[in-house]
Amino acid sequence: MISLAGRDILHAWGKFIFTGIGLGLLIGVTLTMAGVYRGMVDDGKALLDNSGADLWVVQKDTLGPYAESSSVYDDLWRGIRAMPGVASAANVTYLTMQVRRGEKDVRAMVVGIMAGEPGDPGWPPYLVAGRQITRGHYEAVADIATGFKLGDVLSIRRNHYTVVGLTRRMVSSNGDPMVFIPLKDAQEAQFLKDNDAILMQRRRTAANPAFDRPNVPGLLDAIIASQTTNNYVNAILVRIAPGHAPEEVAEPIRRWKRLTVYDRAQMEAILIGKLIATSAKQIGMFLVILAIVSAAIVAFIIYTLTMDKIREIAVLKLIGTRNRTIAAMILQQALVLGVIGFVVGKITATFAAPLFPKYVLLMPADSIAGFFAILLICALASLVAIRMALKVDPAEAIGG
């Protein structure tokens, strides 16, 4: 049985090899797409790990700060820091935007971090070059995926920042590399209006007849002053003291501060279950389509090879070869085709993954599952050819 399959493969080895390569490229695309999904999940987990937070305090009834916009006052962190079970609390802002260096634009997530020291929530946990931010303005730490180097000058809104440090694998849930700047600068970039908008708002406020009344002295000046200040952040990152459970610390914050608090498990569910859910479904549909196409290719080539040897199959039946032996021969050919395709696909995916703009994570478990899935698809695809071979009349060997 093995010799029959092997001899037939050697007889049509060119067709087998080229078909295996074509199937392998298709399998490579399938493995890469699975890696893209795994990379998206890993990006979300990396975002949470790198934040250094155990709890995320955000605007009430929002899914912030990553899945929805969130704004809270920047002085709330002091009260939260004093609550039982809180080891540290820090303000943070997140803004995805185009960061400019000269004539080059890079899409990045700009993160505003409070003054502190490495290890505080929100700060990049490690650097691969340079130093951390030490000044209150105009310094930046960038992920190396941005392509920026030490000493580069970046433009964010109206201000310029010098890159003083480089970090690695600091990305948003969308895979955008991060750029860290001081909190005050980030607040200005995110919340402060441009000069023309501020001037127009002042004119509208001054033209309001309510401010001509004598019982509101100084109110106009206070409103105008508030329009040039930035007292909002997107979230407060909280680190829990040892010996305290997340819910034990989160519940008093919800009750007394009237804010929404998420722990690590809840935030991970938001990122993976909501933020990338649509992308995951789309990738899943493509994987199903690719599996169907792969099965069709294998079925077609095995059917063609079987049609080419109808006379030989009739001779085998005439000399008494059992149907089980003939079916096993065709099945083995389909499995060999699947093995060749998987090897080519695995090699293709491994070398192609680093070339993708987003992170592609190829996991061994996915490769193993893919290998057995390919074998199953090939086995099912061979059934059409086996059914046809078993219907061959031994008399055709004589009649031909």
Protein backbone atom coordinates (compact mmCIF):
# COMPACT_ATOMS: atom_id res chain seq x y z
CA MET A 1 0.00 0.00 0.00
CA ILE A 2 2.80 2.40 0.95
CA SER A 3 4.77 1.47 -2.17
CA LEU A 4 1.75 2.07 -4.39
CA ALA A 5 1.23 5.59 -3.02
CA GLY A 6 4.95 6.33 -3.08
CA ARG A 7 5.42 5.10 -6.64
CA ASP A 8 2.47 7.14 -7.85
CA ILE A 9 3.80 10.28 -6.13
CA LEU A 10 7.21 9.78 -7.73
CA HIS A 11 5.54 9.31 -11.08
CA ALA A 12 3.83 12.74 -10.83
CA TRP A 13 6.30 14.39 -8.45
CA GLY A 14 6.34 17.72 -10.32
CA LYS A 15 2.61 18.21 -10.05
CA PHE A 16 2.75 17.19 -6.38
CA ILE A 17 5.56 19.60 -5.51
CA PHE A 18 4.10 22.60 -7.29
CA THR A 19 0.64 21.93 -5.88
CA GLY A 20 2.16 21.57 -2.40
CA ILE A 21 3.94 24.89 -2.77
CA GLY A 22 0.73 26.63 -3.86
CA LEU A 23 -1.19 25.05 -1.01
CA GLY A 24 1.65 25.99 1.34
CA LEU A 25 1.42 29.65 0.43
CA LEU A 26 -2.30 29.52 1.22
CA ILE A 27 -1.57 27.81 4.53
CA GLY A 28 1.09 30.43 5.23
CA VAL A 29 -1.51 33.17 4.84
CA THR A 30 -3.82 31.27 7.21
CA LEU A 31 -1.13 30.90 9.88
CA THR A 32 -0.18 34.56 9.49
CA MET A 33 -3.78 35.71 9.96
CA ALA A 34 -4.04 33.61 13.10
CA GLY A 35 -0.79 35.28 14.20
CA VAL A 36 -2.28 38.71 13.54
CA TYR A 37 -5.16 37.93 15.91
CA ARG A 38 -2.76 36.57 18.53
CA GLY A 39 -0.70 39.71 18.12
CA MET A 40 -3.73 41.92 18.71
CA VAL A 41 -4.50 40.07 21.92
CA ASP A 42 -0.88 40.28 23.01
CA ASP A 43 -0.83 44.03 22.26
CA GLY A 44 -3.80 44.51 24.58
CA LYS A 45 -2.19 42.50 27.36
CA ALA A 46 1.12 44.31 26.88
CA LEU A 47 -0.70 47.65 27.21
CA LEU A 48 -2.15 46.59 30.56
CA ASP A 49 1.13 45.09 31.79
CA ASN A 50 3.16 48.15 30.86
CA SER A 51 0.74 50.54 32.57
CA GLY A 52 1.84 49.15 35.93
CA ALA A 53 -1.71 49.47 37.28
CA ASP A 54 -3.93 47.13 39.25
CA LEU A 55 -7.01 49.35 38.93
CA TRP A 56 -8.15 51.86 36.31
CA VAL A 57 -10.31 54.72 37.61
CA VAL A 58 -12.24 56.39 34.78
CA GLN A 59 -15.26 58.57 34.09
CA LYS A 60 -18.49 57.09 35.42
CA ASP A 61 -20.37 54.75 33.07
CA THR A 62 -17.65 54.65 30.41
CA LEU A 63 -15.36 51.91 29.12
CA GLY A 64 -12.34 54.22 29.26
CA PRO A 65 -9.62 54.96 28.89
CA TYR A 66 -8.82 52.63 25.96
CA ALA A 67 -12.16 51.57 24.46
CA GLU A 68 -13.96 54.90 25.05
CA SER A 69 -13.04 58.47 25.86
CA SER A 70 -12.88 59.33 29.55
CA SER A 71 -12.33 62.60 31.39
CA VAL A 72 -11.83 63.02 35.13
CA TYR A 73 -10.46 65.93 37.14
CA ASP A 74 -6.73 65.77 37.65
CA ASP A 75 -6.92 66.54 41.38
CA LEU A 76 -8.93 63.40 42.24
CA TRP A 77 -5.80 61.26 42.46
CA ARG A 78 -4.90 62.79 45.83
CA GLY A 79 -8.12 61.63 47.46
CA ILE A 80 -7.81 58.19 45.86
CA ARG A 81 -4.21 57.92 47.03
CA ALA A 82 -5.36 58.39 50.62
CA MET A 83 -7.97 55.61 50.48
CA PRO A 84 -7.34 52.27 52.26
CA GLY A 85 -5.43 49.68 50.26
CA VAL A 86 -4.01 52.12 47.70
CA ALA A 87 -0.22 51.99 47.41
CA SER A 88 0.08 54.63 44.68
CA ALA A 89 -2.10 56.56 42.25
CA ALA A 90 -1.15 58.58 39.20
CA ASN A 91 -2.89 60.58 36.51
CA VAL A 92 -2.46 59.57 32.88
CA THR A 93 -3.67 60.74 29.49
CA TYR A 94 -3.83 58.80 26.22
CA LEU A 95 -4.12 60.40 22.80
CA THR A 96 -3.66 58.59 19.49
CA MET A 97 -2.42 61.04 16.87
CA GLN A 98 0.13 61.73 14.18
CA VAL A 99 3.52 62.66 15.63
CA ARG A 100 5.73 64.63 13.25
CA ARG A 101 9.49 64.58 12.90
CA GLY A 102 10.58 66.87 10.11
CA GLU A 103 8.63 65.78 7.05
CA LYS A 104 7.77 62.37 8.49
CA ASP A 105 4.50 61.50 10.25
CA VAL A 106 4.18 58.52 12.57
CA ARG A 107 0.91 57.38 14.08
CA ALA A 108 1.48 56.89 17.79
CA MET A 109 -0.27 56.90 21.13
CA VAL A 110 0.92 59.90 23.10
CA VAL A 111 0.93 59.14 26.83
CA GLY A 112 1.08 61.87 29.44
CA ILE A 113 2.74 60.76 32.69
CA MET A 114 2.92 62.50 36.05
CA ALA A 115 6.17 63.66 37.56
CA GLY A 116 7.65 60.78 39.50
CA GLU A 117 10.21 58.06 39.01
CA PRO A 118 10.57 54.84 37.01
CA GLY A 119 8.25 52.19 38.37
CA ASP A 120 5.37 54.57 39.02
CA PRO A 121 2.07 53.73 37.27
CA GLY A 122 2.04 54.95 33.70
CA TRP A 123 5.79 55.21 33.32
CA PRO A 124 7.62 53.00 30.79
CA PRO A 125 8.91 50.09 32.90
CA TYR A 126 12.28 49.86 31.15
CA LEU A 127 14.43 51.55 28.50
CA VAL A 128 16.71 50.12 25.84
CA ALA A 129 18.62 53.37 25.39
CA GLY A 130 18.84 56.85 26.88
CA ARG A 131 17.14 57.97 30.09
CA GLN A 132 13.71 58.60 31.54
CA ILE A 133 11.97 61.99 31.47
CA THR A 134 13.42 64.28 34.15
CA ARG A 135 12.00 67.67 33.16
CA GLY A 136 8.48 68.97 33.38
CA HIS A 137 8.28 69.97 29.71
CA TYR A 138 9.48 69.16 26.20
CA GLU A 139 11.11 65.76 26.73
CA ALA A 140 9.89 62.46 25.34
CA VAL A 141 10.52 58.73 25.57
CA ALA A 142 9.56 56.85 22.40
CA ASP A 143 9.10 53.22 21.46
CA ILE A 144 11.69 52.07 18.94
CA ALA A 145 8.86 50.99 16.60
CA THR A 146 8.27 54.69 15.86
CA GLY A 147 11.64 54.79 14.11
CA PHE A 148 12.77 57.74 16.22
CA LYS A 149 16.28 57.95 17.63
CA LEU A 150 17.85 59.64 20.62
CA GLY A 151 18.09 63.36 20.05
CA ASP A 152 15.30 63.53 17.47
CA VAL A 153 12.94 66.49 17.84
CA LEU A 154 9.23 65.65 17.60
CA SER A 155 6.29 67.96 16.97
CA ILE A 156 3.13 67.33 18.98
CA ARG A 157 0.50 69.97 18.35
CA ARG A 158 2.29 73.31 18.82
CA ASN A 159 5.23 72.11 20.91
CA HIS A 160 8.52 70.37 20.17
CA TYR A 161 9.98 67.52 22.21
CA THR A 162 13.45 65.99 22.32
CA VAL A 163 13.66 62.20 22.46
CA VAL A 164 15.76 61.39 25.53
CA GLY A 165 14.96 57.68 25.87
CA LEU A 166 13.88 54.67 23.85
CA THR A 167 11.76 51.76 25.00
CA ARG A 168 10.54 48.55 23.38
CA ARG A 169 7.16 46.81 23.02
CA MET A 170 5.22 49.75 24.43
CA VAL A 171 2.16 49.78 22.20
CA SER A 172 -1.53 50.58 22.27
CA SER A 173 -4.25 47.98 21.82
CA ASN A 174 -4.20 48.83 18.10
CA GLY A 175 -0.48 48.19 17.87
CA ASP A 176 0.48 51.87 17.63
CA PRO A 177 3.83 52.60 19.33
CA MET A 178 3.79 54.90 22.34
CA VAL A 179 5.44 58.26 22.92
CA PHE A 180 5.65 59.39 26.57
CA ILE A 181 5.67 63.10 27.44
CA PRO A 182 5.10 65.07 30.69
CA LEU A 183 1.49 65.18 31.87
CA LYS A 184 1.03 68.96 31.59
CA ASP A 185 2.19 68.92 28.00
CA ALA A 186 -0.11 66.00 27.21
CA GLN A 187 -3.07 67.78 28.80
CA GLU A 188 -2.39 70.81 26.66
CA ALA A 189 -2.13 68.68 23.52
CA GLN A 190 -5.38 66.85 24.23
CA PHE A 191 -7.68 69.30 25.97
CA LEU A 192 -6.48 72.84 25.21
CA LYS A 193 -8.13 74.57 22.27
CA ASP A 194 -6.13 76.51 19.72
CA ASN A 195 -5.77 80.30 20.05
CA ASP A 196 -8.46 81.15 17.51
CA ALA A 197 -10.98 78.86 19.20
CA ILE A 198 -10.20 80.36 22.62
CA LEU A 199 -10.59 83.91 21.28
CA MET A 200 -13.91 83.04 19.66
CA GLN A 201 -15.18 81.42 22.86
CA ARG A 202 -14.20 84.49 24.88
CA ARG A 203 -16.16 86.72 22.52
CA ARG A 204 -19.22 84.48 22.77
CA THR A 205 -18.99 84.41 26.54
CA ALA A 206 -18.55 88.19 26.81
CA ALA A 207 -21.49 88.76 24.46
CA ASN A 208 -23.82 86.74 26.70
CA PRO A 209 -26.35 89.20 28.25
CA ALA A 210 -26.25 87.30 31.54
CA PHE A 211 -22.84 88.76 32.34
CA ASP A 212 -24.16 92.36 32.20
CA ARG A 213 -26.03 91.80 35.46
CA PRO A 214 -24.43 93.36 38.57
CA ASN A 215 -24.91 90.27 40.77
CA VAL A 216 -22.28 88.20 38.92
CA PRO A 217 -19.07 90.22 39.44
CA GLY A 218 -15.92 88.40 38.41
CA LEU A 219 -17.82 85.48 36.93
CA LEU A 220 -16.84 86.41 33.36
CA ASP A 221 -13.18 86.57 34.30
CA ALA A 222 -13.40 83.20 36.03
CA ILE A 223 -15.00 81.55 33.00
CA ILE A 224 -12.43 83.03 30.64
CA ALA A 225 -9.62 81.84 32.90
CA SER A 226 -11.08 78.33 32.99
CA GLN A 227 -10.96 78.19 29.20
CA THR A 228 -7.15 78.41 29.23
CA THR A 229 -6.52 75.77 31.90
CA ASN A 230 -6.25 72.01 31.51
CA ASN A 231 -7.58 70.18 34.55
CA TYR A 232 -8.64 66.86 33.02
CA VAL A 233 -6.99 63.49 32.54
CA ASN A 234 -8.24 60.29 30.93
CA ALA A 235 -7.73 57.96 33.87
CA ILE A 236 -6.14 57.47 37.26
CA LEU A 237 -3.92 54.41 37.51
CA VAL A 238 -3.98 52.76 40.93
CA ARG A 239 -1.54 50.26 42.37
CA ILE A 240 -2.87 48.15 45.25
CA ALA A 241 -0.95 47.66 48.46
CA PRO A 242 0.07 44.08 49.32
CA GLY A 243 -2.58 42.11 51.18
CA HIS A 244 -5.58 43.82 49.61
CA ALA A 245 -7.94 42.41 47.01
CA PRO A 246 -8.80 44.52 43.92
CA GLU A 247 -12.54 44.59 44.65
CA GLU A 248 -11.88 45.52 48.27
CA VAL A 249 -10.07 48.67 47.10
CA ALA A 250 -12.27 49.42 44.09
CA GLU A 251 -15.66 49.43 45.85
CA PRO A 252 -14.99 52.44 48.15
CA ILE A 253 -13.69 54.42 45.18
CA ARG A 254 -16.90 53.71 43.26
CA ARG A 255 -19.05 54.59 46.25
CA TRP A 256 -17.37 57.78 47.46
CA LYS A 257 -15.80 59.20 44.31
CA ARG A 258 -18.69 58.37 41.96
CA LEU A 259 -16.30 56.97 39.37
CA THR A 260 -16.04 53.71 37.45
CA VAL A 261 -13.23 51.38 38.49
CA TYR A 262 -11.96 48.39 36.52
CA ASP A 263 -9.58 45.71 37.70
CA ARG A 264 -7.16 43.81 35.46
CA ALA A 265 -9.61 41.05 34.51
CA GLN A 266 -12.37 43.53 33.66
CA MET A 267 -10.06 45.74 31.61
CA GLU A 268 -8.72 42.74 29.71
CA ALA A 269 -12.29 41.66 28.94
CA ILE A 270 -13.02 45.16 27.58
CA LEU A 271 -9.95 45.21 25.36
CA ILE A 272 -10.30 41.67 23.99
CA GLY A 273 -14.04 41.14 24.21
CA LYS A 274 -15.15 44.56 22.93
CA LEU A 275 -12.33 46.55 21.39
CA ILE A 276 -10.98 43.84 19.07
CA ALA A 277 -14.10 41.67 18.88
CA THR A 278 -15.05 42.85 15.38
CA SER A 279 -11.53 42.32 14.08
CA ALA A 280 -11.50 38.85 15.62
CA LYS A 281 -14.75 37.93 13.86
CA GLN A 282 -13.43 39.23 10.56
CA ILE A 283 -10.22 37.22 10.91
CA GLY A 284 -12.28 34.16 11.83
CA MET A 285 -14.36 34.52 8.66
CA PHE A 286 -11.21 34.75 6.55
CA LEU A 287 -9.82 31.62 8.24
CA VAL A 288 -13.01 29.72 7.36
CA ILE A 289 -12.83 30.93 3.75
CA LEU A 290 -9.17 29.93 3.48
CA ALA A 291 -9.94 26.48 4.92
CA ILE A 292 -12.67 25.97 2.31
CA VAL A 293 -10.37 27.11 -0.50
CA SER A 294 -7.60 24.81 0.75
CA ALA A 295 -9.99 21.86 0.80
CA ALA A 296 -11.15 22.68 -2.71
CA ILE A 297 -7.57 22.81 -4.01
CA VAL A 298 -6.65 19.49 -2.41
CA ALA A 299 -9.86 17.85 -3.65
CA PHE A 300 -9.27 19.11 -7.18
CA ILE A 301 -5.66 17.96 -7.44
CA ILE A 302 -6.35 14.53 -5.89
CA TYR A 303 -9.36 14.12 -8.15
CA THR A 304 -7.25 15.03 -11.18
CA LEU A 305 -4.50 12.60 -10.21
CA THR A 306 -7.08 9.87 -9.70
CA MET A 307 -8.70 10.55 -13.08
CA ASP A 308 -5.28 10.24 -14.73
CA LYS A 309 -4.90 6.69 -13.42
CA ILE A 310 -8.37 5.24 -13.91
CA ARG A 311 -6.95 2.45 -16.06
CA GLU A 312 -4.32 1.58 -13.43
CA ILE A 313 -6.99 1.44 -10.72
CA ALA A 314 -9.08 -0.86 -12.93
CA VAL A 315 -6.05 -3.15 -13.35
CA LEU A 316 -5.53 -3.24 -9.60
CA LYS A 317 -9.15 -4.27 -9.12
CA LEU A 318 -8.85 -6.88 -11.84
CA ILE A 319 -5.92 -8.59 -10.11
CA GLY A 320 -7.84 -8.67 -6.84
CA THR A 321 -6.64 -5.57 -4.98
CA ARG A 322 -9.06 -4.70 -2.22
CA ASN A 323 -10.98 -1.43 -2.23
CA ARG A 324 -9.50 -0.60 1.16
CA THR A 325 -6.00 -0.67 -0.31
CA ILE A 326 -6.94 1.64 -3.18
CA ALA A 327 -8.70 4.05 -0.81
CA ALA A 328 -5.67 4.08 1.51
CA MET A 329 -3.39 4.88 -1.43
CA ILE A 330 -5.45 7.94 -2.40
CA LEU A 331 -5.75 9.03 1.24
CA GLN A 332 -1.98 8.82 1.71
CA GLN A 333 -1.41 10.97 -1.35
CA ALA A 334 -3.75 13.62 0.03
CA LEU A 335 -2.00 13.55 3.42
CA VAL A 336 1.44 13.84 1.82
CA LEU A 337 0.17 16.85 -0.12
CA GLY A 338 -1.05 18.37 3.16
CA VAL A 339 2.30 17.76 4.88
CA ILE A 340 4.20 19.41 2.02
CA GLY A 341 1.79 22.35 2.11
CA PHE A 342 2.09 22.75 5.87
CA VAL A 343 5.90 22.74 5.81
CA VAL A 344 5.95 25.35 3.04
CA GLY A 345 3.27 27.40 4.84
CA LYS A 346 5.04 27.31 8.18
CA ILE A 347 8.32 28.46 6.64
CA THR A 348 6.53 31.19 4.70
CA ALA A 349 4.68 32.48 7.77
CA THR A 350 7.84 32.47 9.90
CA PHE A 351 9.80 34.59 7.45
CA ALA A 352 6.89 36.85 6.50
CA ALA A 353 5.70 37.69 10.04
CA PRO A 354 8.47 40.26 10.83
CA LEU A 355 7.65 42.14 7.61
CA PHE A 356 4.11 43.02 8.72
CA PRO A 357 3.57 46.54 10.12
CA LYS A 358 1.64 45.12 13.08
CA TYR A 359 2.87 42.56 15.56
CA VAL A 360 2.31 38.97 14.40
CA LEU A 361 2.57 36.33 17.12
CA LEU A 362 3.01 32.78 15.81
CA MET A 363 2.28 30.39 18.66
CA PRO A 364 3.40 26.73 18.61
CA ALA A 365 -0.04 25.63 19.77
CA ASP A 366 -1.62 27.29 16.72
CA SER A 367 0.89 25.56 14.43
CA ILE A 368 0.12 22.17 15.96
CA ALA A 369 -3.62 22.75 15.70
CA GLY A 370 -3.15 23.97 12.13
CA PHE A 371 -1.17 20.87 11.20
CA PHE A 372 -3.91 18.51 12.35
CA ALA A 373 -6.57 20.72 10.77
CA ILE A 374 -4.74 20.52 7.43
CA LEU A 375 -4.54 16.73 7.70
CA LEU A 376 -8.26 16.57 8.44
CA ILE A 377 -9.08 18.86 5.52
CA CYS A 378 -6.93 16.77 3.17
CA ALA A 379 -8.55 13.55 4.39
CA LEU A 380 -12.02 14.95 3.80
CA ALA A 381 -11.00 16.37 0.43
CA SER A 382 -9.81 12.93 -0.71
CA LEU A 383 -13.25 11.37 -0.19
CA VAL A 384 -14.47 12.58 -3.59
CA ALA A 385 -11.56 10.89 -5.38
CA ILE A 386 -11.91 7.74 -3.26
CA ARG A 387 -15.62 7.49 -4.06
CA MET A 388 -14.88 7.78 -7.77
CA ALA A 389 -12.05 5.21 -7.61
CA LEU A 390 -14.22 2.67 -5.86
CA LYS A 391 -16.81 2.92 -8.63
CA VAL A 392 -14.29 2.02 -11.32
CA ASP A 393 -15.27 -1.14 -13.22
CA PRO A 394 -12.43 -3.73 -13.49
CA ALA A 395 -13.60 -4.39 -17.05
CA GLU A 396 -12.21 -1.00 -18.05
CA ALA A 397 -8.72 -2.48 -17.76
CA ILE A 398 -9.56 -4.88 -20.58
CA GLY A 399 -11.75 -2.55 -22.57
CA GLY A 400 -9.06 0.18 -22.68
